Amino acid sequence: MFEVRNGIKYVIIFYIIASVFIYYLKPELMFDKNTVKKFGLGYGKTVFSYQLILIFLAFIMFYIFELVWLRKNNFL
């Protein structure tokens, strides 16, 4: 069907660990006691929502993986 590079598995595992770690810490910037703050501006809302941070984290981790993979295989 299609091939998945071996390193992608490690990126996915690291992403899940980072997601659980952030959820476990529950920073006040993203959480209000035990609930996720809503996205937006105003009282009780945040621009840095948990979902948005996870999407950004996924892009950054995949980009770093691609750079490392390209350098390892002498494409850069």
N, C-alpha and C. Protein backbone atom coordinates (compact mmCIF):
# COMPACT_ATOMS: atom_id res chain seq x y z
N MET A 1 0.83 -1.19 0.00
CA MET A 1 0.00 0.00 0.00
C MET A 1 0.88 1.25 0.00
N PHE A 2 1.46 1.59 1.12
CA PHE A 2 2.44 2.67 1.20
C PHE A 2 3.40 2.37 2.33
N GLU A 3 4.60 2.89 2.20
CA GLU A 3 5.63 2.62 3.18
C GLU A 3 5.74 3.77 4.17
N VAL A 4 5.96 3.42 5.41
CA VAL A 4 6.18 4.41 6.47
C VAL A 4 7.61 4.24 6.95
N ARG A 5 8.33 5.33 6.98
CA ARG A 5 9.72 5.27 7.45
C ARG A 5 9.76 4.88 8.92
N ASN A 6 10.82 4.20 9.30
CA ASN A 6 10.93 3.71 10.67
C ASN A 6 10.91 4.82 11.71
N GLY A 7 11.49 5.95 11.39
CA GLY A 7 11.56 7.05 12.35
C GLY A 7 10.22 7.66 12.69
N ILE A 8 9.24 7.54 11.81
CA ILE A 8 7.92 8.11 12.07
C ILE A 8 7.30 7.47 13.31
N LYS A 9 7.55 6.21 13.51
CA LYS A 9 7.02 5.52 14.70
C LYS A 9 7.51 6.20 15.97
N TYR A 10 8.78 6.56 15.97
CA TYR A 10 9.35 7.22 17.16
C TYR A 10 8.79 8.62 17.34
N VAL A 11 8.53 9.31 16.25
CA VAL A 11 7.94 10.64 16.34
C VAL A 11 6.54 10.55 16.92
N ILE A 12 5.76 9.57 16.49
CA ILE A 12 4.40 9.40 17.01
C ILE A 12 4.43 9.06 18.49
N ILE A 13 5.33 8.17 18.89
CA ILE A 13 5.43 7.81 20.31
C ILE A 13 5.85 9.02 21.14
N PHE A 14 6.83 9.78 20.66
CA PHE A 14 7.27 10.97 21.37
C PHE A 14 6.16 12.02 21.44
N TYR A 15 5.35 12.14 20.38
CA TYR A 15 4.23 13.08 20.36
C TYR A 15 3.19 12.69 21.41
N ILE A 16 2.87 11.41 21.50
CA ILE A 16 1.90 10.96 22.49
C ILE A 16 2.41 11.20 23.90
N ILE A 17 3.68 10.92 24.13
CA ILE A 17 4.27 11.16 25.45
C ILE A 17 4.24 12.64 25.80
N ALA A 18 4.59 13.50 24.84
CA ALA A 18 4.56 14.95 25.08
C ALA A 18 3.13 15.43 25.34
N SER A 19 2.16 14.89 24.62
CA SER A 19 0.77 15.28 24.81
C SER A 19 0.27 14.91 26.21
N VAL A 20 0.58 13.70 26.63
CA VAL A 20 0.17 13.24 27.96
C VAL A 20 0.89 14.04 29.03
N PHE A 21 2.16 14.37 28.81
CA PHE A 21 2.93 15.14 29.78
C PHE A 21 2.33 16.55 29.95
N ILE A 22 1.97 17.19 28.84
CA ILE A 22 1.35 18.52 28.93
C ILE A 22 0.01 18.42 29.64
N TYR A 23 -0.77 17.39 29.32
CA TYR A 23 -2.07 17.21 29.96
C TYR A 23 -1.90 16.94 31.46
N TYR A 24 -0.87 16.19 31.82
CA TYR A 24 -0.61 15.89 33.22
C TYR A 24 -0.20 17.14 34.00
N LEU A 25 0.61 18.01 33.37
CA LEU A 25 1.04 19.24 34.04
C LEU A 25 -0.10 20.24 34.20
N LYS A 26 -0.99 20.28 33.21
CA LYS A 26 -2.14 21.19 33.19
C LYS A 26 -1.72 22.63 33.52
N PRO A 27 -0.96 23.25 32.62
CA PRO A 27 -0.56 24.64 32.87
C PRO A 27 -1.78 25.57 32.89
N GLU A 28 -1.71 26.59 33.73
CA GLU A 28 -2.83 27.51 33.89
C GLU A 28 -3.14 28.27 32.61
N LEU A 29 -2.16 28.35 31.74
CA LEU A 29 -2.36 29.04 30.46
C LEU A 29 -3.38 28.31 29.59
N MET A 30 -3.47 26.98 29.73
CA MET A 30 -4.35 26.18 28.89
C MET A 30 -5.52 25.56 29.64
N PHE A 31 -5.41 25.43 30.95
CA PHE A 31 -6.43 24.73 31.72
C PHE A 31 -6.98 25.62 32.82
N ASP A 32 -8.27 25.42 33.10
CA ASP A 32 -8.93 26.08 34.21
C ASP A 32 -9.34 24.97 35.17
N LYS A 33 -8.55 24.77 36.20
CA LYS A 33 -8.67 23.64 37.13
C LYS A 33 -8.50 22.35 36.35
N ASN A 34 -9.54 21.58 36.13
CA ASN A 34 -9.42 20.31 35.42
C ASN A 34 -10.02 20.33 34.02
N THR A 35 -10.44 21.46 33.54
CA THR A 35 -11.05 21.54 32.21
C THR A 35 -10.18 22.39 31.29
N VAL A 36 -10.27 22.10 30.01
CA VAL A 36 -9.52 22.85 29.01
C VAL A 36 -10.23 24.18 28.78
N LYS A 37 -9.45 25.26 28.78
CA LYS A 37 -10.03 26.58 28.51
C LYS A 37 -10.47 26.66 27.07
N LYS A 38 -11.51 27.44 26.83
CA LYS A 38 -12.00 27.65 25.47
C LYS A 38 -11.05 28.57 24.73
N PHE A 39 -11.03 28.42 23.41
CA PHE A 39 -10.19 29.25 22.57
C PHE A 39 -10.87 30.59 22.35
N GLY A 40 -10.10 31.68 22.50
CA GLY A 40 -10.63 33.00 22.24
C GLY A 40 -10.01 34.04 23.14
N LEU A 41 -10.55 35.24 23.04
CA LEU A 41 -10.10 36.34 23.87
C LEU A 41 -11.19 36.66 24.87
N GLY A 42 -10.80 37.03 26.05
CA GLY A 42 -11.77 37.38 27.07
C GLY A 42 -11.56 36.57 28.33
N TYR A 43 -12.44 36.78 29.27
CA TYR A 43 -12.32 36.12 30.57
C TYR A 43 -12.60 34.61 30.43
N GLY A 44 -11.72 33.80 30.98
CA GLY A 44 -11.90 32.36 30.95
C GLY A 44 -11.54 31.71 29.62
N LYS A 45 -10.95 32.47 28.70
CA LYS A 45 -10.55 31.93 27.40
C LYS A 45 -9.06 32.15 27.21
N THR A 46 -8.49 31.44 26.26
CA THR A 46 -7.07 31.55 26.01
C THR A 46 -6.78 31.44 24.52
N VAL A 47 -5.70 32.07 24.10
CA VAL A 47 -5.25 31.95 22.72
C VAL A 47 -4.43 30.68 22.56
N PHE A 48 -3.85 30.20 23.65
CA PHE A 48 -3.02 29.01 23.63
C PHE A 48 -3.81 27.81 24.13
N SER A 49 -4.77 27.36 23.36
CA SER A 49 -5.57 26.21 23.79
C SER A 49 -4.77 24.93 23.64
N TYR A 50 -5.18 23.92 24.37
CA TYR A 50 -4.48 22.64 24.37
C TYR A 50 -4.45 22.03 22.97
N GLN A 51 -5.57 22.09 22.27
CA GLN A 51 -5.64 21.52 20.93
C GLN A 51 -4.72 22.24 19.95
N LEU A 52 -4.68 23.55 20.04
CA LEU A 52 -3.83 24.34 19.15
C LEU A 52 -2.35 24.07 19.40
N ILE A 53 -1.98 23.94 20.66
CA ILE A 53 -0.60 23.64 21.01
C ILE A 53 -0.21 22.25 20.50
N LEU A 54 -1.11 21.28 20.58
CA LEU A 54 -0.81 19.94 20.09
C LEU A 54 -0.63 19.91 18.58
N ILE A 55 -1.44 20.66 17.86
CA ILE A 55 -1.28 20.74 16.40
C ILE A 55 0.06 21.38 16.06
N PHE A 56 0.39 22.47 16.72
CA PHE A 56 1.67 23.14 16.50
C PHE A 56 2.84 22.22 16.84
N LEU A 57 2.71 21.49 17.94
CA LEU A 57 3.75 20.55 18.36
C LEU A 57 3.95 19.44 17.32
N ALA A 58 2.86 18.96 16.75
CA ALA A 58 2.96 17.91 15.73
C ALA A 58 3.71 18.41 14.51
N PHE A 59 3.40 19.62 14.05
CA PHE A 59 4.10 20.19 12.90
C PHE A 59 5.59 20.37 13.18
N ILE A 60 5.92 20.89 14.34
CA ILE A 60 7.31 21.14 14.70
C ILE A 60 8.08 19.82 14.81
N MET A 61 7.49 18.83 15.45
CA MET A 61 8.18 17.55 15.62
C MET A 61 8.39 16.86 14.27
N PHE A 62 7.40 16.91 13.39
CA PHE A 62 7.55 16.28 12.08
C PHE A 62 8.59 17.03 11.24
N TYR A 63 8.61 18.34 11.33
CA TYR A 63 9.58 19.14 10.59
C TYR A 63 11.01 18.82 11.05
N ILE A 64 11.21 18.72 12.36
CA ILE A 64 12.53 18.38 12.88
C ILE A 64 12.93 16.97 12.44
N PHE A 65 11.97 16.04 12.47
CA PHE A 65 12.26 14.68 12.01
C PHE A 65 12.68 14.69 10.54
N GLU A 66 11.98 15.45 9.71
CA GLU A 66 12.32 15.51 8.29
C GLU A 66 13.72 16.08 8.09
N LEU A 67 14.07 17.11 8.83
CA LEU A 67 15.41 17.68 8.70
C LEU A 67 16.48 16.68 9.10
N VAL A 68 16.26 15.97 10.19
CA VAL A 68 17.23 14.98 10.64
C VAL A 68 17.33 13.86 9.63
N TRP A 69 16.20 13.40 9.10
CA TRP A 69 16.20 12.31 8.13
C TRP A 69 16.90 12.72 6.83
N LEU A 70 16.64 13.94 6.38
CA LEU A 70 17.27 14.41 5.16
C LEU A 70 18.78 14.55 5.33
N ARG A 71 19.21 15.06 6.48
CA ARG A 71 20.64 15.21 6.73
C ARG A 71 21.30 13.84 6.87
N LYS A 72 20.61 12.90 7.50
CA LYS A 72 21.16 11.56 7.70
C LYS A 72 21.37 10.85 6.35
N ASN A 73 20.47 11.09 5.42
CA ASN A 73 20.55 10.43 4.12
C ASN A 73 21.22 11.29 3.06
N ASN A 74 21.92 12.33 3.51
CA ASN A 74 22.70 13.21 2.63
C ASN A 74 21.89 13.87 1.51
N PHE A 75 20.66 14.28 1.82
CA PHE A 75 19.87 15.01 0.86
C PHE A 75 20.03 16.52 1.03
N LEU A 76 20.61 16.94 2.14
CA LEU A 76 20.85 18.37 2.36
C LEU A 76 22.28 18.73 2.10
